[in-house]
Amino acid sequence: MALLEVKNLHTSFFTDAGEVKAVNGVSFNLDEGKVLGIVGESGSGKSVTSYSILQILAGSGKIVEGSIRFRQKELVGLEESEMRKIRGNKISIIFQDPMTSLNPTLTIGQQLMEAILLHTNRTKQEAYARAVQMLVLVNVNEPEKRMKQYPYEFSGGMRQRVMIAMALACEPDILIADEPTTALDVTIQASILDLMKNIQRELGMAIILITHDLGVVAQMCDEVIVMYAGGICEQGTADEIFYNPKHEYTKGLMQSIPTTSSKGKPLKPIQGTPIDLLNMPKGCPFAPRCEKAMRICCKRACEKMVINEMHYAACWLNVKEKMESGEHV
């Protein structure tokens, strides 16, 4: 039984200019102890999908259709008082920027203890001990001294470790990590990712890792979802996505990764610009940027097609390939 089931999720933001369809029909399952990667360029709907799960959308944001079930409990439409019991306690999130996620006027200890006291029945003494324990877990040196310090006294990497400690303090079943290493240099990135992997093994929790960095995905994830224009264009195991991509957008992402063999050669970026979510096209949203787009791509979006039991892609080129080989579609 899946720990988290997301089915046909549609999330929109209602603005003066019209309805921005940020997430369009996203479906996936997350099993216990697994790491699911969600990749795609900025504006593809990755973060909005995670915010929809936690019901922390901005004022104009709304889930207009779909289902989100955590341990068979429906979260869409759940009372705010009930959602508070799940947020931070059962499902935690590490936000993109630790610089702005921590309150500059409160000590690190106050902020860690606040999260623990809010979501558990621990006393202040027990919350303090738990906060110190979490700082030790994320390899923050001199934890008792650090408890009295303010965020400005920490480096970017140390602040990110504090955010991870805060997210894990209540031992959630699911950790959502939204671009957890974006603002960090390469050496700090590697240590943060190793830390997350070690903690995941120790606690046995599931992780949803949201990133645009395919190197991070290769290192961390069991399964991968590739998003474009609010929808899933390809979905499969990490090996399938990296070694047998079946959507032109995924192939474009792969070609834009620098490798040792590409040294001295210019990278091949994906041409064009992302589509306007206020005016979604009839056909495949990637068609205007796709070098292999066919006439049908501009007229009708392709349904998700089974490549194998662990791999799906929504691309008409796969349909064409199967028809040419005489296979039943």
C-alpha atoms as a PDB file:
ATOM      1  CA  MET A   1       0.000   0.000   0.000  1.00  0.00           C
ATOM      2  CA  ALA A   2       1.409   3.412  -1.005  1.00  0.00           C
ATOM      3  CA  LEU A   3       2.233   5.854   1.783  1.00  0.00           C
ATOM      4  CA  LEU A   4       1.106   8.818  -0.342  1.00  0.00           C
ATOM      5  CA  GLU A   5      -1.216   8.698  -3.368  1.00  0.00           C
ATOM      6  CA  VAL A   6      -1.698  11.758  -5.579  1.00  0.00           C
ATOM      7  CA  LYS A   7      -4.338  11.358  -8.305  1.00  0.00           C
ATOM      8  CA  ASN A   8      -5.237  13.778 -11.097  1.00  0.00           C
ATOM      9  CA  LEU A   9      -4.137  16.840  -9.118  1.00  0.00           C
ATOM     10  CA  HIS A  10      -5.069  20.223 -10.622  1.00  0.00           C
ATOM     11  CA  THR A  11      -3.956  23.377  -8.804  1.00  0.00           C
ATOM     12  CA  SER A  12      -4.605  26.892 -10.106  1.00  0.00           C
ATOM     13  CA  PHE A  13      -3.889  30.462  -9.048  1.00  0.00           C
ATOM     14  CA  PHE A  14      -6.688  32.914  -9.741  1.00  0.00           C
ATOM     15  CA  THR A  15      -5.246  36.311 -10.703  1.00  0.00           C
ATOM     16  CA  ASP A  16      -6.577  39.527 -12.237  1.00  0.00           C
ATOM     17  CA  ALA A  17      -5.148  38.339 -15.565  1.00  0.00           C
ATOM     18  CA  GLY A  18      -6.971  34.987 -15.354  1.00  0.00           C
ATOM     19  CA  GLU A  19      -6.502  31.424 -14.120  1.00  0.00           C
ATOM     20  CA  VAL A  20      -2.890  30.243 -13.971  1.00  0.00           C
ATOM     21  CA  LYS A  21      -2.982  26.447 -14.267  1.00  0.00           C
ATOM     22  CA  ALA A  22       0.148  25.656 -12.279  1.00  0.00           C
ATOM     23  CA  VAL A  23      -0.457  21.893 -11.877  1.00  0.00           C
ATOM     24  CA  ASN A  24      -2.379  19.914 -14.499  1.00  0.00           C
ATOM     25  CA  GLY A  25      -3.410  16.327 -13.798  1.00  0.00           C
ATOM     26  CA  VAL A  26      -0.412  15.146 -11.781  1.00  0.00           C
ATOM     27  CA  SER A  27      -0.605  11.561 -10.434  1.00  0.00           C
ATOM     28  CA  PHE A  28       2.002   9.519  -8.548  1.00  0.00           C
ATOM     29  CA  ASN A  29       2.501   7.176  -5.599  1.00  0.00           C
ATOM     30  CA  LEU A  30       5.190   7.299  -2.921  1.00  0.00           C
ATOM     31  CA  ASP A  31       6.080   4.113  -1.048  1.00  0.00           C
ATOM     32  CA  GLU A  32       7.566   3.924   2.439  1.00  0.00           C
ATOM     33  CA  GLY A  33      11.345   4.347   2.569  1.00  0.00           C
ATOM     34  CA  LYS A  34      11.610   5.458  -1.086  1.00  0.00           C
ATOM     35  CA  VAL A  35      13.103   8.641  -2.554  1.00  0.00           C
ATOM     36  CA  LEU A  36      11.047  10.243  -5.326  1.00  0.00           C
ATOM     37  CA  GLY A  37      12.685  12.965  -7.409  1.00  0.00           C
ATOM     38  CA  ILE A  38      10.634  15.674  -9.128  1.00  0.00           C
ATOM     39  CA  VAL A  39      12.632  17.539 -11.776  1.00  0.00           C
ATOM     40  CA  GLY A  40      11.912  20.264 -14.281  1.00  0.00           C
ATOM     41  CA  GLU A  41      12.757  23.872 -15.047  1.00  0.00           C
ATOM     42  CA  SER A  42      11.497  26.836 -13.022  1.00  0.00           C
ATOM     43  CA  GLY A  43       7.735  27.249 -13.333  1.00  0.00           C
ATOM     44  CA  SER A  44       7.086  23.589 -14.196  1.00  0.00           C
ATOM     45  CA  GLY A  45       4.906  23.059 -11.112  1.00  0.00           C
ATOM     46  CA  LYS A  46       7.325  21.157  -8.854  1.00  0.00           C
ATOM     47  CA  SER A  47       7.020  23.332  -5.760  1.00  0.00           C
ATOM     48  CA  VAL A  48       3.289  23.971  -6.225  1.00  0.00           C
ATOM     49  CA  THR A  49       2.742  20.198  -6.227  1.00  0.00           C
ATOM     50  CA  SER A  50       4.482  19.924  -2.842  1.00  0.00           C
ATOM     51  CA  TYR A  51       2.626  22.929  -1.426  1.00  0.00           C
ATOM     52  CA  SER A  52      -0.638  21.334  -2.575  1.00  0.00           C
ATOM     53  CA  ILE A  53       0.196  18.175  -0.606  1.00  0.00           C
ATOM     54  CA  LEU A  54       0.681  20.249   2.550  1.00  0.00           C
ATOM     55  CA  GLN A  55      -2.199  22.653   1.746  1.00  0.00           C
ATOM     56  CA  ILE A  56       0.048  25.719   2.119  1.00  0.00           C
ATOM     57  CA  LEU A  57      -0.807  27.472  -1.138  1.00  0.00           C
ATOM     58  CA  ALA A  58      -0.796  31.272  -1.400  1.00  0.00           C
ATOM     59  CA  GLY A  59      -4.104  33.094  -0.952  1.00  0.00           C
ATOM     60  CA  SER A  60      -5.129  32.909  -4.611  1.00  0.00           C
ATOM     61  CA  GLY A  61      -4.056  29.266  -4.987  1.00  0.00           C
ATOM     62  CA  LYS A  62      -6.621  26.491  -4.941  1.00  0.00           C
ATOM     63  CA  ILE A  63      -6.817  22.754  -5.630  1.00  0.00           C
ATOM     64  CA  VAL A  64      -9.579  22.636  -8.228  1.00  0.00           C
ATOM     65  CA  GLU A  65      -9.608  18.878  -8.820  1.00  0.00           C
ATOM     66  CA  GLY A  66      -7.952  15.667  -7.693  1.00  0.00           C
ATOM     67  CA  SER A  67      -7.137  13.588  -4.643  1.00  0.00           C
ATOM     68  CA  ILE A  68      -4.218  13.486  -2.180  1.00  0.00           C
ATOM     69  CA  ARG A  69      -4.315  10.522   0.202  1.00  0.00           C
ATOM     70  CA  PHE A  70      -1.832  10.042   3.047  1.00  0.00           C
ATOM     71  CA  ARG A  71      -2.087   6.586   4.644  1.00  0.00           C
ATOM     72  CA  GLN A  72      -5.516   6.292   2.984  1.00  0.00           C
ATOM     73  CA  LYS A  73      -6.676   9.588   4.548  1.00  0.00           C
ATOM     74  CA  GLU A  74      -7.933  12.204   2.082  1.00  0.00           C
ATOM     75  CA  LEU A  75      -6.127  15.531   2.568  1.00  0.00           C
ATOM     76  CA  VAL A  76      -7.997  17.607  -0.035  1.00  0.00           C
ATOM     77  CA  GLY A  77     -10.746  19.484   1.774  1.00  0.00           C
ATOM     78  CA  LEU A  78      -9.472  18.474   5.217  1.00  0.00           C
ATOM     79  CA  GLU A  79     -10.159  20.959   8.037  1.00  0.00           C
ATOM     80  CA  GLU A  80      -7.213  23.244   8.860  1.00  0.00           C
ATOM     81  CA  SER A  81      -7.104  21.945  12.443  1.00  0.00           C
ATOM     82  CA  GLU A  82      -6.671  18.392  11.081  1.00  0.00           C
ATOM     83  CA  MET A  83      -4.010  19.467   8.568  1.00  0.00           C
ATOM     84  CA  ARG A  84      -1.979  21.032  11.391  1.00  0.00           C
ATOM     85  CA  LYS A  85      -1.701  17.578  12.960  1.00  0.00           C
ATOM     86  CA  ILE A  86      -0.130  16.284   9.734  1.00  0.00           C
ATOM     87  CA  ARG A  87       2.117  19.215   8.779  1.00  0.00           C
ATOM     88  CA  GLY A  88       5.482  19.021  10.510  1.00  0.00           C
ATOM     89  CA  ASN A  89       4.419  15.920  12.383  1.00  0.00           C
ATOM     90  CA  LYS A  90       3.708  13.379   9.627  1.00  0.00           C
ATOM     91  CA  ILE A  91       4.820  15.334   6.538  1.00  0.00           C
ATOM     92  CA  SER A  92       7.620  17.910   6.858  1.00  0.00           C
ATOM     93  CA  ILE A  93       9.160  20.274   4.337  1.00  0.00           C
ATOM     94  CA  ILE A  94      12.549  21.917   3.873  1.00  0.00           C
ATOM     95  CA  PHE A  95      11.925  25.156   1.997  1.00  0.00           C
ATOM     96  CA  GLN A  96      14.174  26.445  -0.778  1.00  0.00           C
ATOM     97  CA  ASP A  97      16.056  29.230   0.991  1.00  0.00           C
ATOM     98  CA  PRO A  98      17.288  28.771   4.581  1.00  0.00           C
ATOM     99  CA  MET A  99      18.262  32.464   4.633  1.00  0.00           C
ATOM    100  CA  THR A 100      14.589  33.488   4.584  1.00  0.00           C
ATOM    101  CA  SER A 101      13.070  30.404   6.246  1.00  0.00           C
ATOM    102  CA  LEU A 102      14.575  31.125   9.675  1.00  0.00           C
ATOM    103  CA  ASN A 103      13.376  34.022  11.856  1.00  0.00           C
ATOM    104  CA  PRO A 104      16.323  36.427  12.352  1.00  0.00           C
ATOM    105  CA  THR A 105      14.924  37.694  15.683  1.00  0.00           C
ATOM    106  CA  LEU A 106      14.784  34.287  17.413  1.00  0.00           C
ATOM    107  CA  THR A 107      17.635  32.011  18.449  1.00  0.00           C
ATOM    108  CA  ILE A 108      18.131  28.682  16.714  1.00  0.00           C
ATOM    109  CA  GLY A 109      17.103  26.921  19.925  1.00  0.00           C
ATOM    110  CA  GLN A 110      13.852  28.872  20.212  1.00  0.00           C
ATOM    111  CA  GLN A 111      12.896  28.010  16.642  1.00  0.00           C
ATOM    112  CA  LEU A 112      13.721  24.316  16.968  1.00  0.00           C
ATOM    113  CA  MET A 113      11.879  24.050  20.288  1.00  0.00           C
ATOM    114  CA  GLU A 114       8.858  25.889  18.901  1.00  0.00           C
ATOM    115  CA  ALA A 115       8.416  23.242  16.192  1.00  0.00           C
ATOM    116  CA  ILE A 116       8.770  20.397  18.703  1.00  0.00           C
ATOM    117  CA  LEU A 117       6.379  21.929  21.261  1.00  0.00           C
ATOM    118  CA  LEU A 118       3.804  22.669  18.559  1.00  0.00           C
ATOM    119  CA  HIS A 119       3.659  19.152  17.130  1.00  0.00           C
ATOM    120  CA  THR A 120       4.371  16.919  20.150  1.00  0.00           C
ATOM    121  CA  ASN A 121       3.403  16.599  23.817  1.00  0.00           C
ATOM    122  CA  ARG A 122       6.966  17.142  25.074  1.00  0.00           C
ATOM    123  CA  THR A 123       7.713  19.499  27.956  1.00  0.00           C
ATOM    124  CA  LYS A 124      10.118  22.450  27.490  1.00  0.00           C
ATOM    125  CA  GLN A 125      12.956  20.431  29.017  1.00  0.00           C
ATOM    126  CA  GLU A 126      12.259  17.477  26.732  1.00  0.00           C
ATOM    127  CA  ALA A 127      11.940  19.802  23.713  1.00  0.00           C
ATOM    128  CA  TYR A 128      15.331  21.356  24.533  1.00  0.00           C
ATOM    129  CA  ALA A 129      16.951  17.925  24.809  1.00  0.00           C
ATOM    130  CA  ARG A 130      15.336  16.863  21.516  1.00  0.00           C
ATOM    131  CA  ALA A 131      16.536  20.042  19.761  1.00  0.00           C
ATOM    132  CA  VAL A 132      20.119  19.431  20.924  1.00  0.00           C
ATOM    133  CA  GLN A 133      19.828  15.788  19.808  1.00  0.00           C
ATOM    134  CA  MET A 134      18.677  16.908  16.333  1.00  0.00           C
ATOM    135  CA  LEU A 135      21.602  19.331  15.961  1.00  0.00           C
ATOM    136  CA  VAL A 136      23.958  16.451  16.817  1.00  0.00           C
ATOM    137  CA  LEU A 137      22.183  14.280  14.214  1.00  0.00           C
ATOM    138  CA  VAL A 138      22.784  16.862  11.459  1.00  0.00           C
ATOM    139  CA  ASN A 139      26.450  17.272  12.488  1.00  0.00           C
ATOM    140  CA  VAL A 140      26.257  20.784  13.970  1.00  0.00           C
ATOM    141  CA  ASN A 141      29.259  21.205  16.271  1.00  0.00           C
ATOM    142  CA  GLU A 142      28.864  22.512  19.849  1.00  0.00           C
ATOM    143  CA  PRO A 143      25.066  22.108  19.728  1.00  0.00           C
ATOM    144  CA  GLU A 144      24.334  23.598  23.168  1.00  0.00           C
ATOM    145  CA  LYS A 145      26.267  26.737  22.297  1.00  0.00           C
ATOM    146  CA  ARG A 146      24.567  26.899  18.877  1.00  0.00           C
ATOM    147  CA  MET A 147      21.137  26.753  20.516  1.00  0.00           C
ATOM    148  CA  LYS A 148      21.750  30.259  21.919  1.00  0.00           C
ATOM    149  CA  GLN A 149      22.935  31.757  18.627  1.00  0.00           C
ATOM    150  CA  TYR A 150      20.959  33.601  15.927  1.00  0.00           C
ATOM    151  CA  PRO A 151      20.699  32.619  12.227  1.00  0.00           C
ATOM    152  CA  TYR A 152      23.089  35.404  11.108  1.00  0.00           C
ATOM    153  CA  GLU A 153      25.851  33.690  13.112  1.00  0.00           C
ATOM    154  CA  PHE A 154      25.549  30.558  10.923  1.00  0.00           C
ATOM    155  CA  SER A 155      26.918  29.918   7.441  1.00  0.00           C
ATOM    156  CA  GLY A 156      24.548  28.958   4.588  1.00  0.00           C
ATOM    157  CA  GLY A 157      25.384  25.277   4.963  1.00  0.00           C
ATOM    158  CA  MET A 158      24.856  25.371   8.732  1.00  0.00           C
ATOM    159  CA  ARG A 159      21.499  27.122   8.312  1.00  0.00           C
ATOM    160  CA  GLN A 160      20.450  24.403   5.895  1.00  0.00           C
ATOM    161  CA  ARG A 161      21.421  21.782   8.487  1.00  0.00           C
ATOM    162  CA  VAL A 162      19.246  23.578  11.041  1.00  0.00           C
ATOM    163  CA  MET A 163      16.317  23.520   8.585  1.00  0.00           C
ATOM    164  CA  ILE A 164      16.812  19.758   8.116  1.00  0.00           C
ATOM    165  CA  ALA A 165      16.948  19.296  11.904  1.00  0.00           C
ATOM    166  CA  MET A 166      13.712  21.272  12.286  1.00  0.00           C
ATOM    167  CA  ALA A 167      11.985  19.230   9.566  1.00  0.00           C
ATOM    168  CA  LEU A 168      13.075  15.928  11.140  1.00  0.00           C
ATOM    169  CA  ALA A 169      12.501  16.843  14.799  1.00  0.00           C
ATOM    170  CA  CYS A 170       9.087  15.134  14.915  1.00  0.00           C
ATOM    171  CA  GLU A 171      10.245  12.083  12.905  1.00  0.00           C
ATOM    172  CA  PRO A 172       7.916  12.566   9.921  1.00  0.00           C
ATOM    173  CA  ASP A 173       6.890   9.728   7.622  1.00  0.00           C
ATOM    174  CA  ILE A 174       7.574  11.945   4.584  1.00  0.00           C
ATOM    175  CA  LEU A 175      10.178  14.666   4.117  1.00  0.00           C
ATOM    176  CA  ILE A 176       9.659  17.074   1.216  1.00  0.00           C
ATOM    177  CA  ALA A 177      12.980  18.711   0.294  1.00  0.00           C
ATOM    178  CA  ASP A 178      12.369  21.672  -2.040  1.00  0.00           C
ATOM    179  CA  GLU A 179      15.667  22.522  -3.760  1.00  0.00           C
ATOM    180  CA  PRO A 180      17.613  21.742  -0.545  1.00  0.00           C
ATOM    181  CA  THR A 181      21.061  22.528  -1.995  1.00  0.00           C
ATOM    182  CA  THR A 182      20.382  25.369  -4.465  1.00  0.00           C
ATOM    183  CA  ALA A 183      22.137  28.191  -2.567  1.00  0.00           C
ATOM    184  CA  LEU A 184      25.090  26.082  -1.422  1.00  0.00           C
ATOM    185  CA  ASP A 185      28.524  25.550  -2.928  1.00  0.00           C
ATOM    186  CA  VAL A 186      29.426  22.143  -4.357  1.00  0.00           C
ATOM    187  CA  THR A 187      31.306  20.756  -1.337  1.00  0.00           C
ATOM    188  CA  ILE A 188      28.508  21.764   1.068  1.00  0.00           C
ATOM    189  CA  GLN A 189      25.932  20.311  -1.379  1.00  0.00           C
ATOM    190  CA  ALA A 190      27.649  16.928  -1.242  1.00  0.00           C
ATOM    191  CA  SER A 191      27.736  16.859   2.573  1.00  0.00           C
ATOM    192  CA  ILE A 192      24.057  17.888   2.842  1.00  0.00           C
ATOM    193  CA  LEU A 193      23.011  15.133   0.396  1.00  0.00           C
ATOM    194  CA  ASP A 194      25.095  12.533   2.260  1.00  0.00           C
ATOM    195  CA  LEU A 195      23.506  13.715   5.489  1.00  0.00           C
ATOM    196  CA  MET A 196      19.984  13.338   4.047  1.00  0.00           C
ATOM    197  CA  LYS A 197      20.760   9.840   2.754  1.00  0.00           C
ATOM    198  CA  ASN A 198      22.168   8.718   6.099  1.00  0.00           C
ATOM    199  CA  ILE A 199      19.215  10.115   8.064  1.00  0.00           C
ATOM    200  CA  GLN A 200      16.764   8.560   5.621  1.00  0.00           C
ATOM    201  CA  ARG A 201      18.383   5.156   6.154  1.00  0.00           C
ATOM    202  CA  GLU A 202      18.351   5.604   9.939  1.00  0.00           C
ATOM    203  CA  LEU A 203      14.735   6.787  10.223  1.00  0.00           C
ATOM    204  CA  GLY A 204      13.287   4.824   7.273  1.00  0.00           C
ATOM    205  CA  MET A 205      11.270   7.798   6.042  1.00  0.00           C
ATOM    206  CA  ALA A 206      10.233   8.547   2.463  1.00  0.00           C
ATOM    207  CA  ILE A 207      11.571  11.631   0.682  1.00  0.00           C
ATOM    208  CA  ILE A 208      10.182  13.791  -2.112  1.00  0.00           C
ATOM    209  CA  LEU A 209      13.199  15.599  -3.541  1.00  0.00           C
ATOM    210  CA  ILE A 210      12.365  18.609  -5.710  1.00  0.00           C
ATOM    211  CA  THR A 211      15.251  19.879  -7.801  1.00  0.00           C
ATOM    212  CA  HIS A 212      16.428  21.047 -11.207  1.00  0.00           C
ATOM    213  CA  ASP A 213      19.812  19.375 -10.649  1.00  0.00           C
ATOM    214  CA  LEU A 214      19.899  16.007 -12.397  1.00  0.00           C
ATOM    215  CA  GLY A 215      23.176  15.139 -10.686  1.00  0.00           C
ATOM    216  CA  VAL A 216      21.394  15.290  -7.326  1.00  0.00           C
ATOM    217  CA  VAL A 217      18.615  13.077  -8.698  1.00  0.00           C
ATOM    218  CA  ALA A 218      21.100  10.458  -9.937  1.00  0.00           C
ATOM    219  CA  GLN A 219      22.727  10.359  -6.505  1.00  0.00           C
ATOM    220  CA  MET A 220      19.588  10.226  -4.379  1.00  0.00           C
ATOM    221  CA  CYS A 221      16.442   8.965  -6.107  1.00  0.00           C
ATOM    222  CA  ASP A 222      14.765   5.599  -6.657  1.00  0.00           C
ATOM    223  CA  GLU A 223      12.042   6.993  -8.939  1.00  0.00           C
ATOM    224  CA  VAL A 224      11.836  10.198 -10.977  1.00  0.00           C
ATOM    225  CA  ILE A 225       9.032  12.417 -12.269  1.00  0.00           C
ATOM    226  CA  VAL A 226       9.871  14.908 -15.032  1.00  0.00           C
ATOM    227  CA  MET A 227       7.483  17.883 -15.066  1.00  0.00           C
ATOM    228  CA  TYR A 228       6.841  20.440 -17.770  1.00  0.00           C
ATOM    229  CA  ALA A 229       4.148  23.157 -17.861  1.00  0.00           C
ATOM    230  CA  GLY A 230       2.435  21.793 -14.764  1.00  0.00           C
ATOM    231  CA  GLY A 231       2.125  18.211 -16.020  1.00  0.00           C
ATOM    232  CA  ILE A 232       4.161  14.996 -15.948  1.00  0.00           C
ATOM    233  CA  CYS A 233       5.825  14.318 -19.278  1.00  0.00           C
ATOM    234  CA  GLU A 234       7.832  11.279 -18.123  1.00  0.00           C
ATOM    235  CA  GLN A 235       7.914   9.037 -15.078  1.00  0.00           C
ATOM    236  CA  GLY A 236       9.996   6.004 -14.169  1.00  0.00           C
ATOM    237  CA  THR A 237      12.889   4.566 -12.197  1.00  0.00           C
ATOM    238  CA  ALA A 238      16.058   6.652 -12.054  1.00  0.00           C
ATOM    239  CA  ASP A 239      17.831   4.154 -14.337  1.00  0.00           C
ATOM    240  CA  GLU A 240      15.039   4.292 -16.944  1.00  0.00           C
ATOM    241  CA  ILE A 241      14.953   8.090 -16.972  1.00  0.00           C
ATOM    242  CA  PHE A 242      18.729   8.488 -17.232  1.00  0.00           C
ATOM    243  CA  TYR A 243      19.565   5.639 -19.606  1.00  0.00           C
ATOM    244  CA  ASN A 244      16.379   5.311 -21.652  1.00  0.00           C
ATOM    245  CA  PRO A 245      14.591   8.709 -21.774  1.00  0.00           C
ATOM    246  CA  LYS A 246      11.449   8.622 -23.926  1.00  0.00           C
ATOM    247  CA  HIS A 247      10.273  12.249 -23.970  1.00  0.00           C
ATOM    248  CA  GLU A 248      12.027  14.942 -25.985  1.00  0.00           C
ATOM    249  CA  TYR A 249      12.033  17.331 -23.010  1.00  0.00           C
ATOM    250  CA  THR A 250      13.794  14.731 -20.826  1.00  0.00           C
ATOM    251  CA  LYS A 251      16.315  14.124 -23.602  1.00  0.00           C
ATOM    252  CA  GLY A 252      16.914  17.872 -23.793  1.00  0.00           C
ATOM    253  CA  LEU A 253      17.582  17.998 -20.049  1.00  0.00           C
ATOM    254  CA  MET A 254      20.070  15.136 -20.362  1.00  0.00           C
ATOM    255  CA  GLN A 255      21.901  16.825 -23.240  1.00  0.00           C
ATOM    256  CA  SER A 256      22.299  20.007 -21.234  1.00  0.00           C
ATOM    257  CA  ILE A 257      24.295  18.275 -18.463  1.00  0.00           C
ATOM    258  CA  PRO A 258      28.044  18.975 -18.689  1.00  0.00           C
ATOM    259  CA  THR A 259      30.154  15.785 -18.801  1.00  0.00           C
ATOM    260  CA  THR A 260      33.857  14.963 -19.006  1.00  0.00           C
ATOM    261  CA  SER A 261      33.422  14.001 -22.675  1.00  0.00           C
ATOM    262  CA  SER A 262      31.873  17.417 -23.447  1.00  0.00           C
ATOM    263  CA  LYS A 263      34.894  19.346 -22.161  1.00  0.00           C
ATOM    264  CA  GLY A 264      35.613  22.289 -24.451  1.00  0.00           C
ATOM    265  CA  LYS A 265      32.332  21.867 -26.333  1.00  0.00           C
ATOM    266  CA  PRO A 266      29.388  24.241 -25.915  1.00  0.00           C
ATOM    267  CA  LEU A 267      26.398  22.848 -23.996  1.00  0.00           C
ATOM    268  CA  LYS A 268      23.248  22.201 -26.000  1.00  0.00           C
ATOM    269  CA  PRO A 269      20.421  24.112 -24.272  1.00  0.00           C
ATOM    270  CA  ILE A 270      16.717  23.543 -24.937  1.00  0.00           C
ATOM    271  CA  GLN A 271      15.701  26.232 -27.401  1.00  0.00           C
ATOM    272  CA  GLY A 272      12.769  28.599 -26.863  1.00  0.00           C
ATOM    273  CA  THR A 273      11.018  29.703 -23.691  1.00  0.00           C
ATOM    274  CA  PRO A 274       8.492  28.016 -21.350  1.00  0.00           C
ATOM    275  CA  ILE A 275       4.844  28.398 -22.317  1.00  0.00           C
ATOM    276  CA  ASP A 276       2.433  30.898 -20.784  1.00  0.00           C
ATOM    277  CA  LEU A 277       0.370  29.011 -18.176  1.00  0.00           C
ATOM    278  CA  LEU A 278      -2.432  31.545 -18.645  1.00  0.00           C
ATOM    279  CA  ASN A 279      -2.808  30.403 -22.259  1.00  0.00           C
ATOM    280  CA  MET A 280      -2.124  26.685 -22.411  1.00  0.00           C
ATOM    281  CA  PRO A 281      -1.882  25.267 -25.957  1.00  0.00           C
ATOM    282  CA  LYS A 282      -4.249  22.561 -27.246  1.00  0.00           C
ATOM    283  CA  GLY A 283      -1.545  20.040 -27.957  1.00  0.00           C
ATOM    284  CA  CYS A 284       1.660  18.979 -26.233  1.00  0.00           C
ATOM    285  CA  PRO A 285       2.933  21.961 -24.205  1.00  0.00           C
ATOM    286  CA  PHE A 286       6.521  21.168 -25.255  1.00  0.00           C
ATOM    287  CA  ALA A 287       5.695  21.118 -28.995  1.00  0.00           C
ATOM    288  CA  PRO A 288       6.707  24.782 -29.666  1.00  0.00           C
ATOM    289  CA  ARG A 289      10.229  23.990 -28.400  1.00  0.00           C
ATOM    290  CA  CYS A 290      10.551  20.456 -29.785  1.00  0.00           C
ATOM    291  CA  GLU A 291      12.757  19.911 -32.847  1.00  0.00           C
ATOM    292  CA  LYS A 292      10.876  16.689 -33.718  1.00  0.00           C
ATOM    293  CA  ALA A 293       7.325  17.986 -33.225  1.00  0.00           C
ATOM    294  CA  MET A 294       4.731  16.548 -35.635  1.00  0.00           C
ATOM    295  CA  ARG A 295       1.425  18.044 -36.741  1.00  0.00           C
ATOM    296  CA  ILE A 296      -0.555  16.035 -34.184  1.00  0.00           C
ATOM    297  CA  CYS A 297       1.691  17.350 -31.364  1.00  0.00           C
ATOM    298  CA  CYS A 298       0.284  20.843 -31.912  1.00  0.00           C
ATOM    299  CA  LYS A 299      -3.332  19.633 -32.055  1.00  0.00           C
ATOM    300  CA  ARG A 300      -3.653  17.056 -29.273  1.00  0.00           C
ATOM    301  CA  ALA A 301      -1.781  16.306 -26.090  1.00  0.00           C
ATOM    302  CA  CYS A 302      -0.542  12.724 -25.910  1.00  0.00           C
ATOM    303  CA  GLU A 303      -1.870  10.510 -23.123  1.00  0.00           C
ATOM    304  CA  LYS A 304       0.598   8.824 -20.795  1.00  0.00           C
ATOM    305  CA  MET A 305       1.939   5.762 -22.603  1.00  0.00           C
ATOM    306  CA  VAL A 306       3.413   2.648 -20.975  1.00  0.00           C
ATOM    307  CA  ILE A 307       7.009   2.060 -22.049  1.00  0.00           C
ATOM    308  CA  ASN A 308       7.326  -0.775 -19.523  1.00  0.00           C
ATOM    309  CA  GLU A 309       5.735  -1.512 -16.145  1.00  0.00           C
ATOM    310  CA  MET A 310       8.000   1.041 -14.403  1.00  0.00           C
ATOM    311  CA  HIS A 311       8.268   3.666 -17.141  1.00  0.00           C
ATOM    312  CA  TYR A 312       5.687   6.048 -18.669  1.00  0.00           C
ATOM    313  CA  ALA A 313       5.965   8.934 -21.121  1.00  0.00           C
ATOM    314  CA  ALA A 314       3.511  11.292 -22.828  1.00  0.00           C
ATOM    315  CA  CYS A 315       5.056  11.743 -26.276  1.00  0.00           C
ATOM    316  CA  TRP A 316       3.553  11.083 -29.727  1.00  0.00           C
ATOM    317  CA  LEU A 317       6.952   9.957 -31.032  1.00  0.00           C
ATOM    318  CA  ASN A 318       6.637   6.797 -28.920  1.00  0.00           C
ATOM    319  CA  VAL A 319       3.211   6.121 -30.432  1.00  0.00           C
ATOM    320  CA  LYS A 320       4.661   6.601 -33.930  1.00  0.00           C
ATOM    321  CA  GLU A 321       7.567   4.268 -33.144  1.00  0.00           C
ATOM    322  CA  LYS A 322       5.236   1.509 -31.902  1.00  0.00           C
ATOM    323  CA  MET A 323       2.936   1.864 -34.930  1.00  0.00           C
ATOM    324  CA  GLU A 324       5.899   1.653 -37.337  1.00  0.00           C
ATOM    325  CA  SER A 325       7.136  -1.484 -35.627  1.00  0.00           C
ATOM    326  CA  GLY A 326       3.676  -3.070 -35.925  1.00  0.00           C
ATOM    327  CA  GLU A 327       2.982  -3.169 -32.193  1.00  0.00           C
ATOM    328  CA  HIS A 328      -0.518  -2.614 -30.835  1.00  0.00           C
ATOM    329  CA  VAL A 329      -0.956   0.879 -29.347  1.00  0.00           C
END
